[in-house]
C-alpha cells in the first residue's frame, strides 16, 4: 500500500543519486557549490526520515512496505555517504577507513543475519535498540561534520564514538537474531 509516508520514504531514496553525483563531482572538481548542494541533499534526506515517521504515526499509515522501505532508505543514504566520503579526497578530510569498515561490516552482517533468521523461522520482528539509534545519529553527525569541513580532530572523535556504538549495536542485534532463530519468537536483528 503506497501511503503518504511511503511516498516520502521513496523520495528519500531518490535523493541519493543526486547526493552521490554532487559529492563525487566535488571530489574531482573541488567546486564548493557541489559540496554545499551535496550537504543540503544529505541533510534534507536525513530530515525527511523524521517526517515520514511522523506521518506514519500521526495518520496511522504504518505498513509492511514502510517497515521495509524506511530502514532501506536509512541504510542506502548512510552507506553511500560513508563510501563516497571514505575515498581519498583532495578537498575534504576523508573518513577514516576503520570507520567505514565498522559501519559497512555491521550493516552487511545485519542483512545476512536478517535473511538467515527469516529463512529459519519466517517472519522477523525487528526491534530497534537505543544503541543502534544513537550510532545512526553519531554516523550522521560524522558525515555532516566531514562535509562541512570542520576540524579533523573532532571528526576523529565523532567517528570513534559512532564506530564503537555501531559495533555494540551490531553485537546486540546479532544476539537478538540468535535468540530469535533459536526460539522462533520475536526479536531478531534490528535496524539502527
N, C-alpha and C. Protein backbone atom coordinates (compact mmCIF):
# COMPACT_ATOMS: atom_id res chain seq x y z
N UNK A 1 0.85 -1.18 0.00
CA UNK A 1 0.00 0.00 0.00
C UNK A 1 0.88 1.24 0.00
N UNK A 2 0.68 2.14 -0.98
CA UNK A 2 1.52 3.32 -1.12
C UNK A 2 0.88 4.49 -0.35
N UNK A 3 1.31 4.65 0.90
CA UNK A 3 0.81 5.73 1.75
C UNK A 3 1.64 6.99 1.52
N UNK A 4 1.20 8.10 2.10
CA UNK A 4 1.97 9.34 2.03
C UNK A 4 3.35 9.15 2.67
N UNK A 5 3.37 8.45 3.81
CA UNK A 5 4.65 8.19 4.48
C UNK A 5 5.58 7.40 3.57
N UNK A 6 5.04 6.41 2.85
CA UNK A 6 5.87 5.61 1.93
C UNK A 6 6.38 6.46 0.76
N UNK A 7 5.56 7.40 0.30
CA UNK A 7 5.99 8.29 -0.79
C UNK A 7 7.15 9.17 -0.34
N UNK A 8 7.08 9.66 0.91
CA UNK A 8 8.18 10.47 1.45
C UNK A 8 9.45 9.61 1.54
N UNK A 9 9.30 8.36 1.97
CA UNK A 9 10.45 7.45 2.05
C UNK A 9 11.05 7.20 0.67
N UNK A 10 10.20 6.99 -0.34
CA UNK A 10 10.70 6.81 -1.70
C UNK A 10 11.44 8.04 -2.19
N UNK A 11 10.94 9.22 -1.84
CA UNK A 11 11.63 10.46 -2.21
C UNK A 11 13.01 10.51 -1.58
N UNK A 12 13.12 10.05 -0.33
CA UNK A 12 14.43 9.98 0.32
C UNK A 12 15.39 9.11 -0.48
N UNK A 13 14.90 7.98 -0.98
CA UNK A 13 15.75 7.09 -1.77
C UNK A 13 16.14 7.76 -3.09
N UNK A 14 15.21 8.48 -3.69
CA UNK A 14 15.50 9.16 -4.96
C UNK A 14 16.49 10.31 -4.80
N UNK A 15 16.68 10.81 -3.58
CA UNK A 15 17.65 11.88 -3.34
C UNK A 15 19.09 11.37 -3.29
N UNK A 16 19.27 10.06 -3.16
CA UNK A 16 20.62 9.52 -3.02
C UNK A 16 21.46 9.69 -4.28
N UNK A 17 20.96 9.38 -5.50
CA UNK A 17 21.81 9.61 -6.68
C UNK A 17 22.27 11.06 -6.87
N UNK A 18 21.40 12.08 -6.69
CA UNK A 18 21.92 13.45 -6.81
C UNK A 18 22.96 13.78 -5.74
N UNK A 19 22.77 13.23 -4.53
CA UNK A 19 23.77 13.44 -3.47
C UNK A 19 25.12 12.87 -3.90
N UNK A 20 25.09 11.62 -4.40
CA UNK A 20 26.33 10.98 -4.84
C UNK A 20 26.98 11.75 -5.98
N UNK A 21 26.16 12.20 -6.93
CA UNK A 21 26.70 12.97 -8.05
C UNK A 21 27.44 14.21 -7.53
N UNK A 22 26.79 14.96 -6.66
CA UNK A 22 27.40 16.20 -6.14
C UNK A 22 28.71 15.92 -5.43
N UNK A 23 28.73 14.90 -4.58
CA UNK A 23 29.94 14.64 -3.79
C UNK A 23 31.06 14.05 -4.65
N UNK A 24 30.71 13.21 -5.62
CA UNK A 24 31.76 12.66 -6.50
C UNK A 24 32.32 13.74 -7.42
N UNK A 25 31.46 14.61 -7.93
CA UNK A 25 31.94 15.71 -8.77
C UNK A 25 32.77 16.70 -7.96
N UNK A 26 32.36 16.96 -6.72
CA UNK A 26 33.16 17.84 -5.85
C UNK A 26 34.54 17.24 -5.62
N UNK A 27 34.58 15.93 -5.45
CA UNK A 27 35.87 15.24 -5.24
C UNK A 27 36.81 15.48 -6.41
N UNK A 28 36.25 15.53 -7.64
CA UNK A 28 37.07 15.71 -8.84
C UNK A 28 37.38 17.19 -9.10
N UNK A 29 36.33 18.03 -9.03
CA UNK A 29 36.49 19.43 -9.44
C UNK A 29 36.82 20.38 -8.30
N UNK A 30 36.38 20.05 -7.09
CA UNK A 30 36.59 20.95 -5.96
C UNK A 30 35.63 22.13 -5.93
N UNK A 31 34.63 22.14 -6.80
CA UNK A 31 33.67 23.25 -6.79
C UNK A 31 32.87 23.23 -5.50
N UNK A 32 32.93 24.34 -4.77
CA UNK A 32 32.27 24.43 -3.49
C UNK A 32 30.75 24.33 -3.59
N UNK A 33 30.19 24.80 -4.69
CA UNK A 33 28.73 24.72 -4.84
C UNK A 33 28.26 23.27 -4.84
N UNK A 34 29.08 22.36 -5.36
CA UNK A 34 28.72 20.94 -5.36
C UNK A 34 28.75 20.37 -3.95
N UNK A 35 29.74 20.78 -3.17
CA UNK A 35 29.81 20.31 -1.77
C UNK A 35 28.60 20.79 -0.99
N UNK A 36 28.25 22.05 -1.16
CA UNK A 36 27.10 22.60 -0.43
C UNK A 36 25.80 21.96 -0.90
N UNK A 37 25.70 21.70 -2.21
CA UNK A 37 24.50 21.03 -2.72
C UNK A 37 24.40 19.61 -2.17
N UNK A 38 25.52 18.89 -2.13
CA UNK A 38 25.53 17.54 -1.57
C UNK A 38 25.15 17.54 -0.10
N UNK A 39 25.70 18.50 0.64
CA UNK A 39 25.37 18.61 2.06
C UNK A 39 23.88 18.90 2.25
N UNK A 40 23.33 19.80 1.44
CA UNK A 40 21.91 20.14 1.53
C UNK A 40 21.04 18.91 1.24
N UNK A 41 21.38 18.18 0.19
CA UNK A 41 20.59 16.99 -0.18
C UNK A 41 20.67 15.95 0.93
N UNK A 42 21.87 15.75 1.48
CA UNK A 42 22.05 14.79 2.57
C UNK A 42 21.20 15.19 3.78
N UNK A 43 21.28 16.47 4.16
CA UNK A 43 20.52 16.96 5.32
C UNK A 43 19.02 16.83 5.07
N UNK A 44 18.58 17.13 3.86
CA UNK A 44 17.16 17.03 3.52
C UNK A 44 16.69 15.58 3.63
N UNK A 45 17.46 14.66 3.07
CA UNK A 45 17.09 13.24 3.13
C UNK A 45 17.08 12.74 4.58
N UNK A 46 18.04 13.18 5.38
CA UNK A 46 18.09 12.78 6.79
C UNK A 46 16.89 13.35 7.55
N UNK A 47 16.55 14.61 7.30
CA UNK A 47 15.42 15.23 7.98
C UNK A 47 14.10 14.57 7.59
N UNK A 48 14.01 14.15 6.34
CA UNK A 48 12.77 13.52 5.87
C UNK A 48 12.52 12.17 6.55
N UNK A 49 13.57 11.60 7.15
CA UNK A 49 13.39 10.37 7.91
C UNK A 49 12.43 10.62 9.07
N UNK A 50 12.59 11.75 9.72
CA UNK A 50 11.66 12.11 10.80
C UNK A 50 10.27 12.42 10.29
N UNK A 51 10.20 13.04 9.10
CA UNK A 51 8.91 13.41 8.52
C UNK A 51 8.09 12.17 8.19
N UNK A 52 8.70 11.20 7.51
CA UNK A 52 7.90 10.01 7.15
C UNK A 52 7.48 9.23 8.39
N UNK A 53 8.34 9.21 9.41
CA UNK A 53 7.96 8.54 10.66
C UNK A 53 6.81 9.24 11.36
N UNK A 54 6.87 10.58 11.38
CA UNK A 54 5.79 11.35 11.99
C UNK A 54 4.47 11.12 11.26
N UNK A 55 4.51 11.16 9.93
CA UNK A 55 3.29 10.96 9.13
C UNK A 55 2.72 9.56 9.39
N UNK A 56 3.60 8.56 9.43
CA UNK A 56 3.14 7.18 9.64
C UNK A 56 2.46 7.04 11.00
N UNK A 57 3.05 7.66 12.04
CA UNK A 57 2.46 7.55 13.38
C UNK A 57 1.21 8.42 13.52
N UNK A 58 1.30 9.65 13.08
CA UNK A 58 0.21 10.62 13.28
C UNK A 58 -1.05 10.23 12.52
N UNK A 59 -0.89 9.73 11.30
CA UNK A 59 -2.04 9.42 10.46
C UNK A 59 -2.27 7.91 10.31
N UNK A 60 -1.65 7.14 11.23
CA UNK A 60 -1.82 5.69 11.25
C UNK A 60 -1.57 5.07 9.87
N UNK A 61 -0.40 5.42 9.31
CA UNK A 61 -0.03 4.92 7.98
C UNK A 61 1.10 3.90 8.05
N UNK A 62 1.20 3.21 9.17
CA UNK A 62 2.22 2.16 9.25
C UNK A 62 1.84 1.02 8.32
N UNK A 63 2.83 0.51 7.61
CA UNK A 63 2.55 -0.56 6.66
C UNK A 63 3.76 -1.49 6.57
N UNK A 64 3.53 -2.66 6.01
CA UNK A 64 4.64 -3.60 5.82
C UNK A 64 5.65 -3.05 4.83
N UNK A 65 5.15 -2.37 3.79
CA UNK A 65 6.06 -1.74 2.82
C UNK A 65 6.93 -0.70 3.51
N UNK A 66 6.31 0.12 4.35
CA UNK A 66 7.07 1.14 5.08
C UNK A 66 8.10 0.54 6.03
N UNK A 67 7.75 -0.60 6.62
CA UNK A 67 8.67 -1.28 7.53
C UNK A 67 9.92 -1.76 6.80
N UNK A 68 9.81 -2.00 5.50
CA UNK A 68 10.96 -2.40 4.69
C UNK A 68 11.66 -1.18 4.09
N UNK A 69 10.87 -0.25 3.54
CA UNK A 69 11.43 0.91 2.85
C UNK A 69 12.19 1.85 3.77
N UNK A 70 11.65 2.09 4.98
CA UNK A 70 12.28 3.07 5.87
C UNK A 70 13.71 2.70 6.25
N UNK A 71 13.94 1.48 6.79
CA UNK A 71 15.33 1.15 7.09
C UNK A 71 16.20 1.03 5.84
N UNK A 72 15.60 0.63 4.70
CA UNK A 72 16.35 0.56 3.46
C UNK A 72 16.83 1.95 3.05
N UNK A 73 15.95 2.94 3.15
CA UNK A 73 16.33 4.31 2.82
C UNK A 73 17.44 4.80 3.73
N UNK A 74 17.34 4.51 5.04
CA UNK A 74 18.38 4.90 6.00
C UNK A 74 19.73 4.30 5.61
N UNK A 75 19.71 2.99 5.36
CA UNK A 75 20.97 2.30 5.06
C UNK A 75 21.57 2.75 3.74
N UNK A 76 20.74 2.93 2.72
CA UNK A 76 21.26 3.38 1.43
C UNK A 76 21.92 4.75 1.53
N UNK A 77 21.28 5.66 2.26
CA UNK A 77 21.84 7.00 2.42
C UNK A 77 23.15 6.94 3.20
N UNK A 78 23.14 6.26 4.34
CA UNK A 78 24.34 6.19 5.17
C UNK A 78 25.48 5.47 4.46
N UNK A 79 25.20 4.32 3.89
CA UNK A 79 26.27 3.54 3.25
C UNK A 79 26.85 4.29 2.06
N UNK A 80 26.00 4.91 1.24
CA UNK A 80 26.52 5.66 0.09
C UNK A 80 27.37 6.84 0.55
N UNK A 81 26.94 7.53 1.60
CA UNK A 81 27.72 8.66 2.11
C UNK A 81 29.05 8.19 2.71
N UNK A 82 29.01 7.09 3.47
CA UNK A 82 30.24 6.56 4.06
C UNK A 82 31.23 6.17 2.97
N UNK A 83 30.75 5.49 1.94
CA UNK A 83 31.65 5.05 0.87
C UNK A 83 32.25 6.25 0.15
N UNK A 84 31.44 7.20 -0.27
CA UNK A 84 31.95 8.32 -1.06
C UNK A 84 32.87 9.22 -0.22
N UNK A 85 32.57 9.37 1.06
CA UNK A 85 33.40 10.24 1.90
C UNK A 85 34.63 9.52 2.46
N UNK A 86 34.73 8.22 2.23
CA UNK A 86 35.92 7.47 2.63
C UNK A 86 36.97 7.42 1.53
N UNK A 87 36.56 7.78 0.32
CA UNK A 87 37.52 7.80 -0.79
C UNK A 87 38.56 8.89 -0.56
N UNK A 88 39.77 8.71 -1.10
CA UNK A 88 40.76 9.79 -0.99
C UNK A 88 40.16 11.09 -1.53
N UNK A 89 40.28 12.14 -0.74
CA UNK A 89 39.63 13.42 -1.07
C UNK A 89 40.68 14.53 -1.10
N UNK A 90 40.86 15.19 -2.24
CA UNK A 90 41.78 16.32 -2.26
C UNK A 90 41.18 17.58 -1.62
N UNK A 91 39.84 17.62 -1.45
CA UNK A 91 39.19 18.84 -0.98
C UNK A 91 38.49 18.67 0.36
N UNK A 92 38.49 17.47 0.91
CA UNK A 92 37.88 17.17 2.21
C UNK A 92 38.81 16.23 2.97
N UNK A 93 38.68 16.22 4.30
CA UNK A 93 39.37 15.19 5.08
C UNK A 93 38.53 13.92 4.97
N UNK A 94 39.06 12.88 4.34
CA UNK A 94 38.24 11.67 4.17
C UNK A 94 37.94 11.01 5.52
N UNK A 95 36.88 10.24 5.54
CA UNK A 95 36.56 9.48 6.74
C UNK A 95 37.64 8.42 6.96
N UNK A 96 37.93 8.11 8.22
CA UNK A 96 38.90 7.04 8.47
C UNK A 96 38.39 5.71 7.92
N UNK A 97 39.30 4.90 7.41
CA UNK A 97 38.90 3.61 6.84
C UNK A 97 38.27 2.70 7.89
N UNK A 98 38.77 2.78 9.13
CA UNK A 98 38.22 1.93 10.18
C UNK A 98 36.76 2.29 10.47
N UNK A 99 36.41 3.56 10.29
CA UNK A 99 35.01 3.97 10.47
C UNK A 99 34.13 3.32 9.40
N UNK A 100 34.59 3.43 8.16
CA UNK A 100 33.84 2.83 7.06
C UNK A 100 33.73 1.32 7.25
N UNK A 101 34.80 0.68 7.68
CA UNK A 101 34.78 -0.77 7.90
C UNK A 101 33.77 -1.14 8.99
N UNK A 102 33.73 -0.38 10.08
CA UNK A 102 32.79 -0.67 11.17
C UNK A 102 31.34 -0.55 10.69
N UNK A 103 31.04 0.55 10.00
CA UNK A 103 29.67 0.79 9.54
C UNK A 103 29.25 -0.24 8.51
N UNK A 104 30.09 -0.45 7.51
CA UNK A 104 29.73 -1.38 6.42
C UNK A 104 29.66 -2.83 6.91
N UNK A 105 30.58 -3.23 7.79
CA UNK A 105 30.58 -4.60 8.31
C UNK A 105 29.31 -4.87 9.09
N UNK A 106 28.95 -3.94 9.98
CA UNK A 106 27.75 -4.16 10.79
C UNK A 106 26.51 -4.27 9.90
N UNK A 107 26.41 -3.40 8.89
CA UNK A 107 25.22 -3.41 8.04
C UNK A 107 25.16 -4.67 7.17
N UNK A 108 26.29 -5.10 6.64
CA UNK A 108 26.31 -6.32 5.82
C UNK A 108 25.95 -7.53 6.69
N UNK A 109 26.54 -7.61 7.88
CA UNK A 109 26.24 -8.74 8.77
C UNK A 109 24.79 -8.72 9.23
N UNK A 110 24.23 -7.52 9.45
CA UNK A 110 22.83 -7.42 9.86
C UNK A 110 21.90 -7.93 8.75
N UNK A 111 22.20 -7.56 7.51
CA UNK A 111 21.37 -8.00 6.39
C UNK A 111 21.46 -9.53 6.23
N UNK A 112 22.68 -10.06 6.33
CA UNK A 112 22.85 -11.51 6.22
C UNK A 112 22.13 -12.21 7.37
N UNK A 113 22.29 -11.69 8.59
CA UNK A 113 21.63 -12.28 9.76
C UNK A 113 20.12 -12.24 9.62
N UNK A 114 19.59 -11.12 9.15
CA UNK A 114 18.15 -10.98 8.96
C UNK A 114 17.64 -12.01 7.96
N UNK A 115 18.39 -12.19 6.87
CA UNK A 115 17.99 -13.16 5.85
C UNK A 115 18.02 -14.58 6.41
N UNK A 116 19.04 -14.92 7.19
CA UNK A 116 19.15 -16.26 7.76
C UNK A 116 18.01 -16.52 8.74
N UNK A 117 17.75 -15.55 9.63
CA UNK A 117 16.68 -15.72 10.61
C UNK A 117 15.34 -15.83 9.90
N UNK A 118 15.13 -15.00 8.89
CA UNK A 118 13.88 -15.06 8.13
C UNK A 118 13.71 -16.43 7.47
N UNK A 119 14.80 -16.95 6.93
CA UNK A 119 14.75 -18.27 6.29
C UNK A 119 14.45 -19.36 7.31
N UNK A 120 15.01 -19.23 8.52
CA UNK A 120 14.85 -20.27 9.53
C UNK A 120 13.48 -20.25 10.20
N UNK A 121 12.95 -19.06 10.50
CA UNK A 121 11.71 -19.01 11.30
C UNK A 121 10.59 -18.23 10.63
N UNK A 122 10.82 -17.73 9.43
CA UNK A 122 9.76 -16.97 8.74
C UNK A 122 9.81 -15.51 9.11
N UNK A 123 8.70 -14.95 9.41
CA UNK A 123 8.58 -13.52 9.69
C UNK A 123 9.49 -13.10 10.85
N UNK A 124 10.14 -11.97 10.69
CA UNK A 124 11.07 -11.47 11.69
C UNK A 124 10.56 -10.13 12.21
N UNK A 125 10.43 -10.03 13.54
CA UNK A 125 10.07 -8.76 14.17
C UNK A 125 11.34 -8.01 14.50
N UNK A 126 11.47 -6.80 13.98
CA UNK A 126 12.68 -6.01 14.19
C UNK A 126 12.43 -5.00 15.29
N UNK A 127 13.23 -5.08 16.35
CA UNK A 127 13.10 -4.12 17.45
C UNK A 127 14.33 -3.22 17.49
N UNK A 128 14.15 -1.93 17.21
CA UNK A 128 15.29 -1.02 17.30
C UNK A 128 15.79 -0.92 18.74
N UNK A 129 17.06 -0.69 18.89
CA UNK A 129 17.69 -0.50 20.21
C UNK A 129 18.25 0.91 20.29
N UNK A 130 18.38 1.42 21.51
CA UNK A 130 18.89 2.78 21.68
C UNK A 130 20.32 2.89 21.16
N UNK A 131 21.10 1.81 21.26
CA UNK A 131 22.48 1.88 20.78
C UNK A 131 22.52 2.05 19.27
N UNK A 132 21.62 1.35 18.58
CA UNK A 132 21.56 1.48 17.12
C UNK A 132 21.11 2.86 16.70
N UNK A 133 20.10 3.40 17.39
CA UNK A 133 19.60 4.74 17.07
C UNK A 133 20.68 5.79 17.34
N UNK A 134 21.38 5.65 18.48
CA UNK A 134 22.44 6.60 18.83
C UNK A 134 23.60 6.49 17.85
N UNK A 135 23.93 5.26 17.45
CA UNK A 135 25.00 5.06 16.46
C UNK A 135 24.65 5.76 15.15
N UNK A 136 23.39 5.65 14.74
CA UNK A 136 22.96 6.31 13.50
C UNK A 136 23.10 7.82 13.60
N UNK A 137 22.69 8.38 14.74
CA UNK A 137 22.81 9.83 14.94
C UNK A 137 24.28 10.24 14.88
N UNK A 138 25.15 9.48 15.53
CA UNK A 138 26.59 9.81 15.50
C UNK A 138 27.18 9.62 14.11
N UNK A 139 26.72 8.62 13.38
CA UNK A 139 27.18 8.45 12.00
C UNK A 139 26.78 9.67 11.16
N UNK A 140 25.53 10.09 11.29
CA UNK A 140 25.06 11.27 10.54
C UNK A 140 25.87 12.51 10.93
N UNK A 141 26.14 12.66 12.23
CA UNK A 141 26.92 13.81 12.69
C UNK A 141 28.33 13.78 12.11
N UNK A 142 28.94 12.59 12.07
CA UNK A 142 30.28 12.44 11.50
C UNK A 142 30.29 12.80 10.02
N UNK A 143 29.29 12.32 9.29
CA UNK A 143 29.21 12.60 7.86
C UNK A 143 28.99 14.09 7.61
N UNK A 144 28.09 14.69 8.38
CA UNK A 144 27.82 16.13 8.23
C UNK A 144 29.06 16.94 8.56
N UNK A 145 29.74 16.59 9.65
CA UNK A 145 30.97 17.28 10.07
C UNK A 145 32.00 17.23 8.94
N UNK A 146 32.12 16.07 8.32
CA UNK A 146 33.08 15.89 7.23
C UNK A 146 32.73 16.79 6.05
N UNK A 147 31.45 16.82 5.67
CA UNK A 147 31.05 17.64 4.53
C UNK A 147 31.16 19.13 4.81
N UNK A 148 31.04 19.51 6.09
CA UNK A 148 31.19 20.92 6.45
C UNK A 148 32.66 21.34 6.50
N UNK A 149 33.55 20.37 6.46
CA UNK A 149 35.00 20.61 6.52
C UNK A 149 35.40 21.28 7.83
N UNK A 150 34.79 20.83 8.90
CA UNK A 150 35.17 21.34 10.22
C UNK A 150 36.38 20.56 10.71
N UNK A 151 36.98 20.91 11.85
CA UNK A 151 38.27 20.33 12.27
C UNK A 151 38.30 18.80 12.27
N UNK A 152 39.36 18.29 11.67
CA UNK A 152 39.52 16.84 11.52
C UNK A 152 39.69 16.15 12.87
N UNK A 153 40.25 16.84 13.87
CA UNK A 153 40.44 16.21 15.18
C UNK A 153 39.09 15.85 15.80
N UNK A 154 38.10 16.71 15.64
CA UNK A 154 36.76 16.41 16.17
C UNK A 154 36.10 15.31 15.33
N UNK A 155 36.35 15.34 14.02
CA UNK A 155 35.81 14.29 13.14
C UNK A 155 36.27 12.92 13.65
N UNK A 156 37.53 12.81 14.05
CA UNK A 156 38.07 11.53 14.52
C UNK A 156 37.35 11.07 15.78
N UNK A 157 37.06 11.98 16.70
CA UNK A 157 36.35 11.61 17.93
C UNK A 157 34.91 11.21 17.64
N UNK A 158 34.23 11.96 16.77
CA UNK A 158 32.86 11.60 16.38
C UNK A 158 32.84 10.22 15.73
N UNK A 159 33.78 10.00 14.81
CA UNK A 159 33.85 8.72 14.11
C UNK A 159 34.11 7.58 15.09
N UNK A 160 34.98 7.81 16.08
CA UNK A 160 35.29 6.77 17.07
C UNK A 160 34.05 6.43 17.89
N UNK A 161 33.34 7.44 18.35
CA UNK A 161 32.11 7.19 19.12
C UNK A 161 31.08 6.45 18.29
N UNK A 162 30.92 6.87 17.03
CA UNK A 162 29.95 6.22 16.14
C UNK A 162 30.37 4.77 15.88
N UNK A 163 31.65 4.54 15.67
CA UNK A 163 32.12 3.18 15.37
C UNK A 163 31.92 2.26 16.56
N UNK A 164 32.21 2.74 17.77
CA UNK A 164 32.04 1.90 18.96
C UNK A 164 30.57 1.52 19.14
N UNK A 165 29.68 2.52 19.06
CA UNK A 165 28.25 2.22 19.21
C UNK A 165 27.71 1.37 18.06
N UNK A 166 28.26 1.55 16.88
CA UNK A 166 27.86 0.73 15.74
C UNK A 166 28.20 -0.73 16.00
N UNK A 167 29.40 -0.98 16.50
CA UNK A 167 29.82 -2.36 16.79
C UNK A 167 29.02 -2.95 17.95
N UNK A 168 28.78 -2.15 19.00
CA UNK A 168 27.99 -2.63 20.14
C UNK A 168 26.58 -3.00 19.67
N UNK A 169 25.97 -2.12 18.87
CA UNK A 169 24.61 -2.40 18.40
C UNK A 169 24.61 -3.63 17.49
N UNK A 170 25.66 -3.80 16.70
CA UNK A 170 25.76 -4.99 15.85
C UNK A 170 25.80 -6.27 16.67
N UNK A 171 26.54 -6.24 17.77
CA UNK A 171 26.61 -7.41 18.66
C UNK A 171 25.24 -7.67 19.29
N UNK A 172 24.57 -6.59 19.73
CA UNK A 172 23.24 -6.76 20.34
C UNK A 172 22.25 -7.34 19.33
N UNK A 173 22.25 -6.80 18.11
CA UNK A 173 21.33 -7.30 17.11
C UNK A 173 21.65 -8.74 16.72
N UNK A 174 22.94 -9.07 16.69
CA UNK A 174 23.33 -10.46 16.43
C UNK A 174 22.83 -11.39 17.51
N UNK A 175 22.95 -10.96 18.76
CA UNK A 175 22.47 -11.75 19.89
C UNK A 175 20.95 -11.93 19.80
N UNK A 176 20.24 -10.83 19.50
CA UNK A 176 18.78 -10.91 19.33
C UNK A 176 18.42 -11.89 18.21
N UNK A 177 19.17 -11.84 17.12
CA UNK A 177 18.90 -12.72 15.99
C UNK A 177 19.09 -14.18 16.34
N UNK A 178 20.16 -14.48 17.10
CA UNK A 178 20.40 -15.87 17.51
C UNK A 178 19.30 -16.37 18.43
N UNK A 179 18.86 -15.51 19.36
CA UNK A 179 17.76 -15.90 20.27
C UNK A 179 16.47 -16.12 19.48
N UNK A 180 16.22 -15.23 18.53
CA UNK A 180 15.01 -15.34 17.71
C UNK A 180 15.03 -16.62 16.89
N UNK A 181 16.17 -16.92 16.30
CA UNK A 181 16.28 -18.13 15.49
C UNK A 181 16.13 -19.38 16.35
N UNK A 182 16.66 -19.33 17.57
CA UNK A 182 16.59 -20.49 18.45
C UNK A 182 15.22 -20.72 19.05
N UNK A 183 14.47 -19.62 19.27
CA UNK A 183 13.18 -19.75 19.95
C UNK A 183 11.99 -19.67 19.01
N UNK A 184 12.21 -19.08 17.83
CA UNK A 184 11.09 -18.86 16.93
C UNK A 184 10.20 -17.72 17.38
N UNK A 185 10.63 -16.98 18.41
CA UNK A 185 9.84 -15.88 18.96
C UNK A 185 10.28 -14.55 18.41
N UNK A 186 9.67 -13.45 18.91
CA UNK A 186 10.01 -12.13 18.42
C UNK A 186 11.42 -11.71 18.80
N UNK A 187 11.96 -10.79 18.06
CA UNK A 187 13.32 -10.28 18.26
C UNK A 187 13.99 -10.15 16.94
N UNK A 188 15.20 -10.64 16.81
CA UNK A 188 15.87 -10.64 15.53
C UNK A 188 16.76 -9.44 15.35
N UNK A 189 17.60 -9.50 14.33
CA UNK A 189 18.49 -8.39 14.08
C UNK A 189 17.68 -7.14 13.84
N UNK A 190 17.96 -6.11 14.56
CA UNK A 190 17.20 -4.87 14.43
C UNK A 190 17.83 -3.91 13.46
N UNK A 191 17.22 -2.80 13.31
CA UNK A 191 17.78 -1.77 12.44
C UNK A 191 18.17 -0.59 13.28
N UNK A 192 19.07 0.18 12.79
CA UNK A 192 19.52 1.37 13.50
C UNK A 192 18.94 2.58 12.86
